[in-house]
PDB file of N, CA and C in Angstrom:
ATOM      1  N   MET A   1     111.031-147.813 -15.022  1.00  0.00           N
ATOM      2  CA  MET A   1     111.766-147.285 -16.167  1.00  0.00           C
ATOM      3  C   MET A   1     113.270-147.330 -15.886  1.00  0.00           C
ATOM      4  N   ASN A   2     114.019-147.188 -16.949  1.00  0.00           N
ATOM      5  CA  ASN A   2     115.473-147.073 -16.833  1.00  0.00           C
ATOM      6  C   ASN A   2     115.949-146.048 -17.853  1.00  0.00           C
ATOM      7  N   ILE A   3     117.223-145.736 -17.802  1.00  0.00           N
ATOM      8  CA  ILE A   3     117.750-144.654 -18.637  1.00  0.00           C
ATOM      9  C   ILE A   3     117.662-144.968 -20.139  1.00  0.00           C
ATOM     10  N   LEU A   4     117.789-146.231 -20.517  1.00  0.00           N
ATOM     11  CA  LEU A   4     117.641-146.589 -21.935  1.00  0.00           C
ATOM     12  C   LEU A   4     116.214-146.328 -22.418  1.00  0.00           C
ATOM     13  N   GLU A   5     115.229-146.773 -21.648  1.00  0.00           N
ATOM     14  CA  GLU A   5     113.836-146.561 -22.021  1.00  0.00           C
ATOM     15  C   GLU A   5     113.502-145.068 -22.072  1.00  0.00           C
ATOM     16  N   ASP A   6     113.928-144.340 -21.037  1.00  0.00           N
ATOM     17  CA  ASP A   6     113.649-142.905 -20.994  1.00  0.00           C
ATOM     18  C   ASP A   6     114.286-142.163 -22.164  1.00  0.00           C
ATOM     19  N   THR A   7     115.523-142.496 -22.476  1.00  0.00           N
ATOM     20  CA  THR A   7     116.222-141.817 -23.573  1.00  0.00           C
ATOM     21  C   THR A   7     115.564-142.116 -24.911  1.00  0.00           C
ATOM     22  N   ASN A   8     115.231-143.379 -25.143  1.00  0.00           N
ATOM     23  CA  ASN A   8     114.518-143.737 -26.382  1.00  0.00           C
ATOM     24  C   ASN A   8     113.204-142.976 -26.495  1.00  0.00           C
ATOM     25  N   GLU A   9     112.473-142.881 -25.405  1.00  0.00           N
ATOM     26  CA  GLU A   9     111.183-142.185 -25.403  1.00  0.00           C
ATOM     27  C   GLU A   9     111.353-140.705 -25.749  1.00  0.00           C
ATOM     28  N   VAL A  10     112.359-140.070 -25.158  1.00  0.00           N
ATOM     29  CA  VAL A  10     112.592-138.636 -25.376  1.00  0.00           C
ATOM     30  C   VAL A  10     113.069-138.356 -26.799  1.00  0.00           C
ATOM     31  N   LEU A  11     113.973-139.187 -27.308  1.00  0.00           N
ATOM     32  CA  LEU A  11     114.598-138.904 -28.601  1.00  0.00           C
ATOM     33  C   LEU A  11     113.820-139.415 -29.812  1.00  0.00           C
ATOM     34  N   LYS A  12     112.845-140.309 -29.611  1.00  0.00           N
ATOM     35  CA  LYS A  12     112.126-140.851 -30.773  1.00  0.00           C
ATOM     36  C   LYS A  12     111.360-139.771 -31.536  1.00  0.00           C
ATOM     37  N   ALA A  13     111.006-138.683 -30.851  1.00  0.00           N
ATOM     38  CA  ALA A  13     110.288-137.580 -31.511  1.00  0.00           C
ATOM     39  C   ALA A  13     111.130-136.909 -32.593  1.00  0.00           C
ATOM     40  N   LEU A  14     112.450-137.085 -32.554  1.00  0.00           N
ATOM     41  CA  LEU A  14     113.327-136.494 -33.563  1.00  0.00           C
ATOM     42  C   LEU A  14     113.269-137.235 -34.898  1.00  0.00           C
ATOM     43  N   GLY A  15     112.746-138.463 -34.882  1.00  0.00           N
ATOM     44  CA  GLY A  15     112.643-139.240 -36.110  1.00  0.00           C
ATOM     45  C   GLY A  15     113.978-139.783 -36.618  1.00  0.00           C
ATOM     46  N   ILE A  16     114.963-139.877 -35.719  1.00  0.00           N
ATOM     47  CA  ILE A  16     116.290-140.395 -36.067  1.00  0.00           C
ATOM     48  C   ILE A  16     116.362-141.848 -35.600  1.00  0.00           C
ATOM     49  N   PRO A  17     116.836-142.772 -36.440  1.00  0.00           N
ATOM     50  CA  PRO A  17     116.973-144.158 -35.997  1.00  0.00           C
ATOM     51  C   PRO A  17     117.891-144.264 -34.774  1.00  0.00           C
ATOM     52  N   ILE A  18     117.483-145.085 -33.800  1.00  0.00           N
ATOM     53  CA  ILE A  18     118.236-145.258 -32.553  1.00  0.00           C
ATOM     54  C   ILE A  18     118.462-146.740 -32.318  1.00  0.00           C
ATOM     55  N   GLU A  19     119.691-147.102 -31.958  1.00  0.00           N
ATOM     56  CA  GLU A  19     120.045-148.474 -31.600  1.00  0.00           C
ATOM     57  C   GLU A  19     120.820-148.452 -30.287  1.00  0.00           C
ATOM     58  N   THR A  20     120.868-149.603 -29.632  1.00  0.00           N
ATOM     59  CA  THR A  20     121.657-149.751 -28.415  1.00  0.00           C
ATOM     60  C   THR A  20     122.901-150.562 -28.731  1.00  0.00           C
ATOM     61  N   GLY A  21     124.064-150.048 -28.347  1.00  0.00           N
ATOM     62  CA  GLY A  21     125.331-150.755 -28.524  1.00  0.00           C
ATOM     63  C   GLY A  21     125.990-150.526 -29.871  1.00  0.00           C
ATOM     64  N   VAL A  22     125.317-150.914 -30.935  1.00  0.00           N
ATOM     65  CA  VAL A  22     125.858-150.775 -32.284  1.00  0.00           C
ATOM     66  C   VAL A  22     124.680-150.713 -33.255  1.00  0.00           C
ATOM     67  N   PHE A  23     124.852-150.001 -34.361  1.00  0.00           N
ATOM     68  CA  PHE A  23     123.794-149.950 -35.367  1.00  0.00           C
ATOM     69  C   PHE A  23     123.851-151.247 -36.155  1.00  0.00           C
ATOM     70  N   LYS A  24     122.781-152.045 -36.097  1.00  0.00           N
ATOM     71  CA  LYS A  24     122.808-153.411 -36.609  1.00  0.00           C
ATOM     72  C   LYS A  24     122.537-153.540 -38.109  1.00  0.00           C
ATOM     73  N   SER A  25     121.771-152.630 -38.672  1.00  0.00           N
ATOM     74  CA  SER A  25     121.469-152.728 -40.099  1.00  0.00           C
ATOM     75  C   SER A  25     122.325-151.721 -40.874  1.00  0.00           C
ATOM     76  N   GLU A  26     122.028-151.572 -42.152  1.00  0.00           N
ATOM     77  CA  GLU A  26     122.778-150.597 -42.941  1.00  0.00           C
ATOM     78  C   GLU A  26     122.535-149.202 -42.367  1.00  0.00           C
ATOM     79  N   ALA A  27     123.611-148.512 -42.100  1.00  0.00           N
ATOM     80  CA  ALA A  27     123.514-147.212 -41.428  1.00  0.00           C
ATOM     81  C   ALA A  27     122.974-146.133 -42.358  1.00  0.00           C
ATOM     82  N   PRO A  28     121.969-145.371 -41.881  1.00  0.00           N
ATOM     83  CA  PRO A  28     121.480-144.232 -42.655  1.00  0.00           C
ATOM     84  C   PRO A  28     122.449-143.055 -42.528  1.00  0.00           C
ATOM     85  N   ASP A  29     122.129-141.943 -43.152  1.00  0.00           N
ATOM     86  CA  ASP A  29     123.010-140.773 -43.106  1.00  0.00           C
ATOM     87  C   ASP A  29     123.118-140.178 -41.707  1.00  0.00           C
ATOM     88  N   THR A  30     122.086-140.359 -40.884  1.00  0.00           N
ATOM     89  CA  THR A  30     122.105-139.868 -39.508  1.00  0.00           C
ATOM     90  C   THR A  30     121.478-140.920 -38.613  1.00  0.00           C
ATOM     91  N   TYR A  31     122.142-141.223 -37.509  1.00  0.00           N
ATOM     92  CA  TYR A  31     121.593-142.179 -36.552  1.00  0.00           C
ATOM     93  C   TYR A  31     122.231-141.961 -35.182  1.00  0.00           C
ATOM     94  N   ILE A  32     121.619-142.588 -34.173  1.00  0.00           N
ATOM     95  CA  ILE A  32     122.077-142.460 -32.790  1.00  0.00           C
ATOM     96  C   ILE A  32     122.325-143.853 -32.231  1.00  0.00           C
ATOM     97  N   VAL A  33     123.419-143.981 -31.461  1.00  0.00           N
ATOM     98  CA  VAL A  33     123.717-145.217 -30.754  1.00  0.00           C
ATOM     99  C   VAL A  33     123.780-144.901 -29.260  1.00  0.00           C
ATOM    100  N   LEU A  34     123.075-145.715 -28.456  1.00  0.00           N
ATOM    101  CA  LEU A  34     123.063-145.564 -27.004  1.00  0.00           C
ATOM    102  C   LEU A  34     123.918-146.647 -26.371  1.00  0.00           C
ATOM    103  N   VAL A  35     124.779-146.254 -25.430  1.00  0.00           N
ATOM    104  CA  VAL A  35     125.637-147.212 -24.736  1.00  0.00           C
ATOM    105  C   VAL A  35     125.541-146.947 -23.230  1.00  0.00           C
ATOM    106  N   PRO A  36     124.991-147.905 -22.461  1.00  0.00           N
ATOM    107  CA  PRO A  36     124.966-147.737 -21.007  1.00  0.00           C
ATOM    108  C   PRO A  36     126.391-147.677 -20.459  1.00  0.00           C
ATOM    109  N   LEU A  37     126.619-146.776 -19.496  1.00  0.00           N
ATOM    110  CA  LEU A  37     127.957-146.620 -18.914  1.00  0.00           C
ATOM    111  C   LEU A  37     128.042-147.196 -17.518  1.00  0.00           C
ATOM    112  N   THR A  38     127.200-146.716 -16.602  1.00  0.00           N
ATOM    113  CA  THR A  38     127.270-147.189 -15.215  1.00  0.00           C
ATOM    114  C   THR A  38     125.892-147.185 -14.568  1.00  0.00           C
ATOM    115  N   ASP A  39     125.752-148.025 -13.560  1.00  0.00           N
ATOM    116  CA  ASP A  39     124.622-148.021 -12.629  1.00  0.00           C
ATOM    117  C   ASP A  39     125.250-148.040 -11.245  1.00  0.00           C
ATOM    118  N   THR A  40     125.025-146.998 -10.461  1.00  0.00           N
ATOM    119  CA  THR A  40     125.641-146.928  -9.135  1.00  0.00           C
ATOM    120  C   THR A  40     124.609-146.519  -8.094  1.00  0.00           C
ATOM    121  N   PHE A  41     124.937-146.819  -6.846  1.00  0.00           N
ATOM    122  CA  PHE A  41     124.133-146.387  -5.720  1.00  0.00           C
ATOM    123  C   PHE A  41     124.891-145.276  -5.002  1.00  0.00           C
ATOM    124  N   PRO A  42     124.329-144.059  -4.974  1.00  0.00           N
ATOM    125  CA  PRO A  42     124.980-143.000  -4.200  1.00  0.00           C
ATOM    126  C   PRO A  42     125.056-143.390  -2.729  1.00  0.00           C
ATOM    127  N   LEU A  43     126.053-142.871  -2.032  1.00  0.00           N
ATOM    128  CA  LEU A  43     126.219-143.190  -0.612  1.00  0.00           C
ATOM    129  C   LEU A  43     125.032-142.701   0.206  1.00  0.00           C
ATOM    130  N   ASN A  44     124.656-143.516   1.194  1.00  0.00           N
ATOM    131  CA  ASN A  44     123.566-143.174   2.104  1.00  0.00           C
ATOM    132  C   ASN A  44     124.030-143.412   3.526  1.00  0.00           C
ATOM    133  N   ALA A  45     123.497-142.651   4.465  1.00  0.00           N
ATOM    134  CA  ALA A  45     123.907-142.757   5.866  1.00  0.00           C
ATOM    135  C   ALA A  45     123.671-144.151   6.433  1.00  0.00           C
ATOM    136  N   ASP A  46     122.584-144.809   6.050  1.00  0.00           N
ATOM    137  CA  ASP A  46     122.291-146.143   6.594  1.00  0.00           C
ATOM    138  C   ASP A  46     122.735-147.272   5.664  1.00  0.00           C
ATOM    139  N   ASP A  47     123.511-146.934   4.625  1.00  0.00           N
ATOM    140  CA  ASP A  47     124.017-147.896   3.648  1.00  0.00           C
ATOM    141  C   ASP A  47     122.930-148.604   2.844  1.00  0.00           C
ATOM    142  N   MET A  48     121.712-148.125   2.917  1.00  0.00           N
ATOM    143  CA  MET A  48     120.622-148.678   2.123  1.00  0.00           C
ATOM    144  C   MET A  48     120.293-147.678   1.016  1.00  0.00           C
ATOM    145  N   PRO A  49     120.597-148.017  -0.223  1.00  0.00           N
ATOM    146  CA  PRO A  49     120.376-147.060  -1.317  1.00  0.00           C
ATOM    147  C   PRO A  49     118.900-146.730  -1.506  1.00  0.00           C
ATOM    148  N   GLN A  50     118.650-145.471  -1.787  1.00  0.00           N
ATOM    149  CA  GLN A  50     117.301-144.993  -2.079  1.00  0.00           C
ATOM    150  C   GLN A  50     117.125-144.745  -3.576  1.00  0.00           C
ATOM    151  N   THR A  51     118.252-144.499  -4.255  1.00  0.00           N
ATOM    152  CA  THR A  51     118.201-144.226  -5.690  1.00  0.00           C
ATOM    153  C   THR A  51     119.267-145.024  -6.426  1.00  0.00           C
ATOM    154  N   ASP A  52     119.040-145.200  -7.690  1.00  0.00           N
ATOM    155  CA  ASP A  52     119.972-145.856  -8.603  1.00  0.00           C
ATOM    156  C   ASP A  52     120.382-144.798  -9.624  1.00  0.00           C
ATOM    157  N   LEU A  53     121.644-144.415  -9.619  1.00  0.00           N
ATOM    158  CA  LEU A  53     122.152-143.423 -10.571  1.00  0.00           C
ATOM    159  C   LEU A  53     122.620-144.159 -11.820  1.00  0.00           C
ATOM    160  N   GLN A  54     121.957-143.885 -12.950  1.00  0.00           N
ATOM    161  CA  GLN A  54     122.287-144.552 -14.206  1.00  0.00           C
ATOM    162  C   GLN A  54     122.888-143.540 -15.176  1.00  0.00           C
ATOM    163  N   GLU A  55     123.941-143.971 -15.884  1.00  0.00           N
ATOM    164  CA  GLU A  55     124.610-143.098 -16.848  1.00  0.00           C
ATOM    165  C   GLU A  55     124.639-143.767 -18.212  1.00  0.00           C
ATOM    166  N   LEU A  56     124.572-142.931 -19.251  1.00  0.00           N
ATOM    167  CA  LEU A  56     124.443-143.424 -20.618  1.00  0.00           C
ATOM    168  C   LEU A  56     125.203-142.500 -21.561  1.00  0.00           C
ATOM    169  N   ARG A  57     125.799-143.075 -22.587  1.00  0.00           N
ATOM    170  CA  ARG A  57     126.447-142.288 -23.648  1.00  0.00           C
ATOM    171  C   ARG A  57     125.562-142.332 -24.889  1.00  0.00           C
ATOM    172  N   ILE A  58     125.256-141.148 -25.405  1.00  0.00           N
ATOM    173  CA  ILE A  58     124.487-140.996 -26.634  1.00  0.00           C
ATOM    174  C   ILE A  58     125.468-140.537 -27.703  1.00  0.00           C
ATOM    175  N   THR A  59     125.604-141.313 -28.760  1.00  0.00           N
ATOM    176  CA  THR A  59     126.515-140.924 -29.840  1.00  0.00           C
ATOM    177  C   THR A  59     125.703-140.664 -31.097  1.00  0.00           C
ATOM    178  N   LEU A  60     125.857-139.458 -31.610  1.00  0.00           N
ATOM    179  CA  LEU A  60     125.201-139.036 -32.843  1.00  0.00           C
ATOM    180  C   LEU A  60     126.189-139.195 -33.991  1.00  0.00           C
ATOM    181  N   PHE A  61     125.769-139.904 -35.018  1.00  0.00           N
ATOM    182  CA  PHE A  61     126.552-140.058 -36.245  1.00  0.00           C
ATOM    183  C   PHE A  61     125.799-139.340 -37.350  1.00  0.00           C
ATOM    184  N   SER A  62     126.477-138.460 -38.069  1.00  0.00           N
ATOM    185  CA  SER A  62     125.797-137.721 -39.136  1.00  0.00           C
ATOM    186  C   SER A  62     126.750-137.409 -40.277  1.00  0.00           C
ATOM    187  N   LYS A  63     126.266-137.607 -41.495  1.00  0.00           N
ATOM    188  CA  LYS A  63     127.048-137.250 -42.677  1.00  0.00           C
ATOM    189  C   LYS A  63     126.863-135.784 -43.036  1.00  0.00           C
ATOM    190  N   GLU A  64     125.895-135.132 -42.380  1.00  0.00           N
ATOM    191  CA  GLU A  64     125.618-133.721 -42.626  1.00  0.00           C
ATOM    192  C   GLU A  64     126.052-132.909 -41.413  1.00  0.00           C
ATOM    193  N   ASN A  65     125.714-131.644 -41.417  1.00  0.00           N
ATOM    194  CA  ASN A  65     126.033-130.791 -40.286  1.00  0.00           C
ATOM    195  C   ASN A  65     125.293-131.307 -39.044  1.00  0.00           C
ATOM    196  N   TYR A  66     126.023-131.642 -38.005  1.00  0.00           N
ATOM    197  CA  TYR A  66     125.466-132.251 -36.801  1.00  0.00           C
ATOM    198  C   TYR A  66     125.027-131.216 -35.749  1.00  0.00           C
ATOM    199  N   ILE A  67     125.383-129.955 -35.894  1.00  0.00           N
ATOM    200  CA  ILE A  67     125.217-128.968 -34.825  1.00  0.00           C
ATOM    201  C   ILE A  67     123.746-128.738 -34.466  1.00  0.00           C
ATOM    202  N   LYS A  68     122.858-128.582 -35.442  1.00  0.00           N
ATOM    203  CA  LYS A  68     121.444-128.371 -35.132  1.00  0.00           C
ATOM    204  C   LYS A  68     120.856-129.578 -34.406  1.00  0.00           C
ATOM    205  N   LEU A  69     121.217-130.769 -34.852  1.00  0.00           N
ATOM    206  CA  LEU A  69     120.726-131.985 -34.187  1.00  0.00           C
ATOM    207  C   LEU A  69     121.262-132.096 -32.763  1.00  0.00           C
ATOM    208  N   LYS A  70     122.531-131.775 -32.582  1.00  0.00           N
ATOM    209  CA  LYS A  70     123.132-131.800 -31.250  1.00  0.00           C
ATOM    210  C   LYS A  70     122.365-130.871 -30.316  1.00  0.00           C
ATOM    211  N   ASN A  71     122.028-129.689 -30.807  1.00  0.00           N
ATOM    212  CA  ASN A  71     121.296-128.722 -29.991  1.00  0.00           C
ATOM    213  C   ASN A  71     119.874-129.201 -29.683  1.00  0.00           C
ATOM    214  N   LYS A  72     119.207-129.827 -30.645  1.00  0.00           N
ATOM    215  CA  LYS A  72     117.858-130.367 -30.407  1.00  0.00           C
ATOM    216  C   LYS A  72     117.898-131.488 -29.373  1.00  0.00           C
ATOM    217  N   ILE A  73     118.873-132.381 -29.510  1.00  0.00           N
ATOM    218  CA  ILE A  73     119.015-133.483 -28.557  1.00  0.00           C
ATOM    219  C   ILE A  73     119.265-132.936 -27.154  1.00  0.00           C
ATOM    220  N   THR A  74     120.163-131.989 -27.043  1.00  0.00           N
ATOM    221  CA  THR A  74     120.484-131.389 -25.749  1.00  0.00           C
ATOM    222  C   THR A  74     119.243-130.760 -25.120  1.00  0.00           C
ATOM    223  N   ALA A  75     118.491-129.997 -25.892  1.00  0.00           N
ATOM    224  CA  ALA A  75     117.286-129.341 -25.374  1.00  0.00           C
ATOM    225  C   ALA A  75     116.254-130.364 -24.897  1.00  0.00           C
ATOM    226  N   LYS A  76     116.051-131.420 -25.677  1.00  0.00           N
ATOM    227  CA  LYS A  76     115.081-132.453 -25.288  1.00  0.00           C
ATOM    228  C   LYS A  76     115.514-133.151 -23.997  1.00  0.00           C
ATOM    229  N   LEU A  77     116.797-133.454 -23.873  1.00  0.00           N
ATOM    230  CA  LEU A  77     117.288-134.121 -22.668  1.00  0.00           C
ATOM    231  C   LEU A  77     117.134-133.240 -21.435  1.00  0.00           C
ATOM    232  N   LEU A  78     117.492-131.977 -21.561  1.00  0.00           N
ATOM    233  CA  LEU A  78     117.378-131.061 -20.423  1.00  0.00           C
ATOM    234  C   LEU A  78     115.920-130.871 -20.007  1.00  0.00           C
ATOM    235  N   SER A  79     115.019-130.787 -20.973  1.00  0.00           N
ATOM    236  CA  SER A  79     113.607-130.605 -20.628  1.00  0.00           C
ATOM    237  C   SER A  79     113.001-131.858 -20.009  1.00  0.00           C
ATOM    238  N   ALA A  80     113.652-133.004 -20.174  1.00  0.00           N
ATOM    239  CA  ALA A  80     113.175-134.263 -19.589  1.00  0.00           C
ATOM    240  C   ALA A  80     113.939-134.605 -18.304  1.00  0.00           C
ATOM    241  N   ASP A  81     114.602-133.625 -17.718  1.00  0.00           N
ATOM    242  CA  ASP A  81     115.295-133.772 -16.419  1.00  0.00           C
ATOM    243  C   ASP A  81     116.497-134.719 -16.445  1.00  0.00           C
ATOM    244  N   PHE A  82     117.160-134.826 -17.581  1.00  0.00           N
ATOM    245  CA  PHE A  82     118.426-135.548 -17.629  1.00  0.00           C
ATOM    246  C   PHE A  82     119.525-134.587 -17.189  1.00  0.00           C
ATOM    247  N   CYS A  83     120.536-135.110 -16.541  1.00  0.00           N
ATOM    248  CA  CYS A  83     121.728-134.330 -16.211  1.00  0.00           C
ATOM    249  C   CYS A  83     122.767-134.626 -17.291  1.00  0.00           C
ATOM    250  N   ILE A  84     123.199-133.613 -18.006  1.00  0.00           N
ATOM    251  CA  ILE A  84     124.224-133.804 -19.035  1.00  0.00           C
ATOM    252  C   ILE A  84     125.582-133.666 -18.370  1.00  0.00           C
ATOM    253  N   THR A  85     126.365-134.745 -18.408  1.00  0.00           N
ATOM    254  CA  THR A  85     127.663-134.777 -17.720  1.00  0.00           C
ATOM    255  C   THR A  85     128.834-134.523 -18.656  1.00  0.00           C
ATOM    256  N   GLY A  86     128.595-134.559 -19.955  1.00  0.00           N
ATOM    257  CA  GLY A  86     129.678-134.283 -20.899  1.00  0.00           C
ATOM    258  C   GLY A  86     129.159-134.243 -22.325  1.00  0.00           C
ATOM    259  N   ARG A  87     129.798-133.395 -23.133  1.00  0.00           N
ATOM    260  CA  ARG A  87     129.492-133.317 -24.567  1.00  0.00           C
ATOM    261  C   ARG A  87     130.813-133.105 -25.287  1.00  0.00           C
ATOM    262  N   ARG A  88     131.000-133.845 -26.382  1.00  0.00           N
ATOM    263  CA  ARG A  88     132.259-133.678 -27.110  1.00  0.00           C
ATOM    264  C   ARG A  88     132.117-134.094 -28.571  1.00  0.00           C
ATOM    265  N   TYR A  89     132.838-133.365 -29.403  1.00  0.00           N
ATOM    266  CA  TYR A  89     132.943-133.720 -30.816  1.00  0.00           C
ATOM    267  C   TYR A  89     134.113-134.687 -30.929  1.00  0.00           C
ATOM    268  N   ASN A  90     133.842-135.848 -31.501  1.00  0.00           N
ATOM    269  CA  ASN A  90     134.874-136.878 -31.601  1.00  0.00           C
ATOM    270  C   ASN A  90     135.573-136.895 -32.951  1.00  0.00           C
ATOM    271  N   GLY A  91     135.164-136.010 -33.848  1.00  0.00           N
ATOM    272  CA  GLY A  91     135.843-135.904 -35.123  1.00  0.00           C
ATOM    273  C   GLY A  91     135.019-136.391 -36.297  1.00  0.00           C
ATOM    274  N   PHE A  92     135.654-136.317 -37.439  1.00  0.00           N
ATOM    275  CA  PHE A  92     135.045-136.742 -38.694  1.00  0.00           C
ATOM    276  C   PHE A  92     135.816-137.951 -39.197  1.00  0.00           C
ATOM    277  N   ASP A  93     135.113-139.045 -39.442  1.00  0.00           N
ATOM    278  CA  ASP A  93     135.733-140.265 -39.947  1.00  0.00           C
ATOM    279  C   ASP A  93     135.724-140.215 -41.471  1.00  0.00           C
ATOM    280  N   THR A  94     136.880-139.960 -42.067  1.00  0.00           N
ATOM    281  CA  THR A  94     136.960-139.834 -43.526  1.00  0.00           C
ATOM    282  C   THR A  94     136.688-141.161 -44.231  1.00  0.00           C
ATOM    283  N   GLY A  95     136.900-142.267 -43.545  1.00  0.00           N
ATOM    284  CA  GLY A  95     136.654-143.577 -44.148  1.00  0.00           C
ATOM    285  C   GLY A  95     135.187-143.848 -44.440  1.00  0.00           C
ATOM    286  N   VAL A  96     134.315-143.411 -43.549  1.00  0.00           N
ATOM    287  CA  VAL A  96     132.884-143.663 -43.730  1.00  0.00           C
ATOM    288  C   VAL A  96     132.075-142.384 -43.909  1.00  0.00           C
ATOM    289  N   GLY A  97     132.681-141.233 -43.650  1.00  0.00           N
ATOM    290  CA  GLY A  97     132.034-139.955 -43.909  1.00  0.00           C
ATOM    291  C   GLY A  97     131.082-139.455 -42.838  1.00  0.00           C
ATOM    292  N   TYR A  98     131.275-139.876 -41.595  1.00  0.00           N
ATOM    293  CA  TYR A  98     130.394-139.445 -40.507  1.00  0.00           C
ATOM    294  C   TYR A  98     131.104-138.510 -39.542  1.00  0.00           C
ATOM    295  N   HIS A  99     130.378-137.456 -39.130  1.00  0.00           N
ATOM    296  CA  HIS A  99     130.759-136.690 -37.948  1.00  0.00           C
ATOM    297  C   HIS A  99     130.282-137.523 -36.766  1.00  0.00           C
ATOM    298  N   GLN A 100     131.039-137.498 -35.675  1.00  0.00           N
ATOM    299  CA  GLN A 100     130.642-138.239 -34.485  1.00  0.00           C
ATOM    300  C   GLN A 100     130.642-137.288 -33.289  1.00  0.00           C
ATOM    301  N   TYR A 101     129.501-137.219 -32.583  1.00  0.00           N
ATOM    302  CA  TYR A 101     129.356-136.330 -31.438  1.00  0.00           C
ATOM    303  C   TYR A 101     128.723-137.115 -30.297  1.00  0.00           C
ATOM    304  N   THR A 102     129.299-137.023 -29.096  1.00  0.00           N
ATOM    305  CA  THR A 102     128.752-137.756 -27.959  1.00  0.00           C
ATOM    306  C   THR A 102     128.222-136.822 -26.885  1.00  0.00           C
ATOM    307  N   ILE A 103     127.152-137.281 -26.261  1.00  0.00           N
ATOM    308  CA  ILE A 103     126.548-136.596 -25.124  1.00  0.00           C
ATOM    309  C   ILE A 103     126.394-137.646 -24.023  1.00  0.00           C
ATOM    310  N   ASP A 104     127.027-137.410 -22.886  1.00  0.00           N
ATOM    311  CA  ASP A 104     126.892-138.308 -21.742  1.00  0.00           C
ATOM    312  C   ASP A 104     125.836-137.744 -20.802  1.00  0.00           C
ATOM    313  N   VAL A 105     124.945-138.622 -20.348  1.00  0.00           N
ATOM    314  CA  VAL A 105     123.859-138.195 -19.474  1.00  0.00           C
ATOM    315  C   VAL A 105     123.762-139.096 -18.252  1.00  0.00           C
ATOM    316  N   ALA A 106     123.131-138.563 -17.204  1.00  0.00           N
ATOM    317  CA  ALA A 106     122.880-139.322 -15.983  1.00  0.00           C
ATOM    318  C   ALA A 106     121.478-138.995 -15.501  1.00  0.00           C
ATOM    319  N   LYS A 107     120.887-139.958 -14.807  1.00  0.00           N
ATOM    320  CA  LYS A 107     119.555-139.745 -14.242  1.00  0.00           C
ATOM    321  C   LYS A 107     119.388-140.653 -13.026  1.00  0.00           C
ATOM    322  N   ASN A 108     118.776-140.088 -11.974  1.00  0.00           N
ATOM    323  CA  ASN A 108     118.486-140.859 -10.767  1.00  0.00           C
ATOM    324  C   ASN A 108     117.138-141.531 -10.887  1.00  0.00           C
ATOM    325  N   TYR A 109     117.079-142.775 -10.438  1.00  0.00           N
ATOM    326  CA  TYR A 109     115.828-143.532 -10.417  1.00  0.00           C
ATOM    327  C   TYR A 109     115.587-144.012  -8.995  1.00  0.00           C
ATOM    328  N   GLU A 110     114.384-143.767  -8.518  1.00  0.00           N
ATOM    329  CA  GLU A 110     114.030-144.210  -7.177  1.00  0.00           C
ATOM    330  C   GLU A 110     113.942-145.722  -7.176  1.00  0.00           C
ATOM    331  N   ILE A 111     114.500-146.327  -6.139  1.00  0.00           N
ATOM    332  CA  ILE A 111     114.468-147.785  -6.022  1.00  0.00           C
ATOM    333  C   ILE A 111     113.103-148.177  -5.478  1.00  0.00           C
ATOM    334  N   MET A 112     112.429-149.022  -6.227  1.00  0.00           N
ATOM    335  CA  MET A 112     111.088-149.491  -5.830  1.00  0.00           C
ATOM    336  C   MET A 112     111.197-150.894  -5.264  1.00  0.00           C
ATOM    337  N   GLU A 113     110.536-151.108  -4.145  1.00  0.00           N
ATOM    338  CA  GLU A 113     110.477-152.459  -3.579  1.00  0.00           C
ATOM    339  C   GLU A 113     109.312-153.207  -4.218  1.00  0.00           C
ATOM    340  N   ASP A 114     109.531-154.502  -4.480  1.00  0.00           N
ATOM    341  CA  ASP A 114     108.463-155.317  -5.091  1.00  0.00           C
ATOM    342  C   ASP A 114     107.341-155.584  -4.115  1.00  0.00           C
TER     343      ASP A 114
END
């Protein structure tokens, strides 16, 4: 698994359309865009990584009140062992009518040998 797969799995229960990178079709009133941020290896004493730390930005776009959805997303992520590294309201875009809220998450994945 990876952070994109895990995030899609956790958030699909909300019934909100989810895309990676950019919303490709006509945007609904509420949707989520996932953007991978980093994949890093934490330092290890023998220089051989044991885990892969993956980070992802989740951006919620909503024409309605986003606060309840933000709280549901946060609760689902925390219950699925995601580490939330940042949350911020990015404002309201008057041109298209969306509130934009981002949640940055990180998760460690054990490195598996083939």
